[in-house]
Protein backbone atom coordinates (compact mmCIF):
# COMPACT_ATOMS: atom_id res chain seq x y z
CA MET A 1 24.28 16.74 141.51
CA ASN A 2 25.33 13.14 141.03
CA ILE A 3 27.97 12.21 137.51
CA THR A 4 25.19 11.14 135.18
CA SER A 5 23.38 14.02 136.09
CA THR A 6 26.44 16.53 135.33
CA SER A 7 26.97 14.25 132.14
CA SER A 8 23.34 14.72 130.94
CA SER A 9 23.65 18.37 131.13
CA ALA A 10 26.64 18.61 129.49
CA VAL A 11 25.44 16.83 126.85
CA ASN A 12 22.03 18.32 126.80
CA LEU A 13 23.90 22.09 126.54
CA ILE A 14 26.09 20.86 123.87
CA ASN A 15 22.80 20.18 122.07
CA THR A 16 21.14 23.09 122.51
CA ALA A 17 24.37 24.80 121.27
CA GLN A 18 23.94 23.10 117.79
CA HIS A 19 20.74 23.91 117.89
CA LYS A 20 21.45 27.67 118.47
CA SER A 21 24.04 27.28 116.21
CA ALA A 22 22.10 25.63 113.02
CA ASP A 23 19.77 28.21 113.43
CA ALA A 24 21.64 31.43 113.38
CA SER A 25 23.71 29.66 109.82
CA GLN A 26 20.03 29.72 108.17
CA VAL A 27 20.00 33.00 108.83
CA ILE A 28 22.70 34.55 107.69
CA ALA A 29 22.78 31.83 105.10
CA LYS A 30 19.21 33.65 104.36
CA LEU A 31 20.54 37.07 103.77
CA PRO A 32 20.79 39.01 100.65
CA VAL A 33 23.96 39.92 98.81
CA GLN A 34 24.52 40.67 95.99
CA GLU A 35 27.66 39.69 93.59
CA ASP A 36 30.13 42.25 94.86
CA GLU A 37 30.23 40.82 98.13
CA VAL A 38 29.17 44.33 99.32
CA GLY A 39 25.58 43.21 99.85
CA SER A 40 22.32 44.37 98.89
CA SER A 41 19.91 47.52 99.40
CA GLU A 42 18.14 45.14 101.47
CA PHE A 43 20.70 44.42 103.88
CA ARG A 44 21.47 45.94 107.27
CA SER A 45 24.23 45.69 108.76
CA SER A 46 21.99 44.72 112.17
CA ASP A 47 20.41 41.81 110.20
CA ILE A 48 23.53 39.80 110.89
CA THR A 49 24.64 40.76 114.73
CA LYS A 50 22.30 38.83 116.97
CA PRO A 51 22.98 35.45 114.82
CA ILE A 52 26.61 36.13 114.97
CA ILE A 53 26.52 36.58 118.41
CA SER A 54 24.63 33.73 118.93
CA LEU A 55 27.32 31.31 116.86
CA LYS A 56 29.43 32.85 119.56
CA GLU A 57 26.94 32.38 122.48
CA ALA A 58 26.58 28.59 121.12
CA GLU A 59 30.44 28.62 120.81
CA LEU A 60 30.96 29.54 124.27
CA GLU A 61 28.43 26.99 125.74
CA THR A 62 29.98 24.08 123.99
CA SER A 63 33.55 25.28 125.38
CA ALA A 64 31.65 25.24 128.78
CA ALA A 65 30.05 21.94 128.19
CA VAL A 66 33.29 20.48 127.31
CA LYS A 67 34.81 21.32 130.41
CA LEU A 68 31.77 19.94 132.38
CA LEU A 69 32.93 16.45 130.51
CA GLN A 70 36.36 16.81 131.50
CA ALA A 71 35.51 17.65 135.46
CA ASP A 72 33.02 15.15 135.17
CA LYS A 73 36.28 12.75 134.11
CA GLU A 74 37.93 13.20 136.63
CA THR A 75 35.63 13.14 139.40
CA ILE A 76 34.98 10.22 138.14
CA GLY A 77 38.78 8.76 138.36
CA SER A 78 39.60 10.29 141.93
CA LEU A 79 36.40 8.29 142.73
CA LEU A 80 37.84 5.07 141.12
CA ASP A 81 41.60 5.87 142.77
CA ILE A 82 39.80 6.10 146.09
CA LYS A 83 37.79 3.02 145.63
CA ALA A 84 40.81 1.36 144.58
């Protein structure tokens, strides 16, 4: 895998995570809730489980992508040090 494909993979992972978190956030925002914040009779706790897990997945994917970018930056720096 070359350096540019590593960066591209990281950016793609960040974009995927961003879309996943946006979708999950919309699902959570559309769940029925009453003024007393306990929820309506239509609300089931299982309705919120999947979107919350998706948000956590998006967070972990973003974290992994940042680590890829950091490793890529260090690799480029090391290559430049070797060339110099």
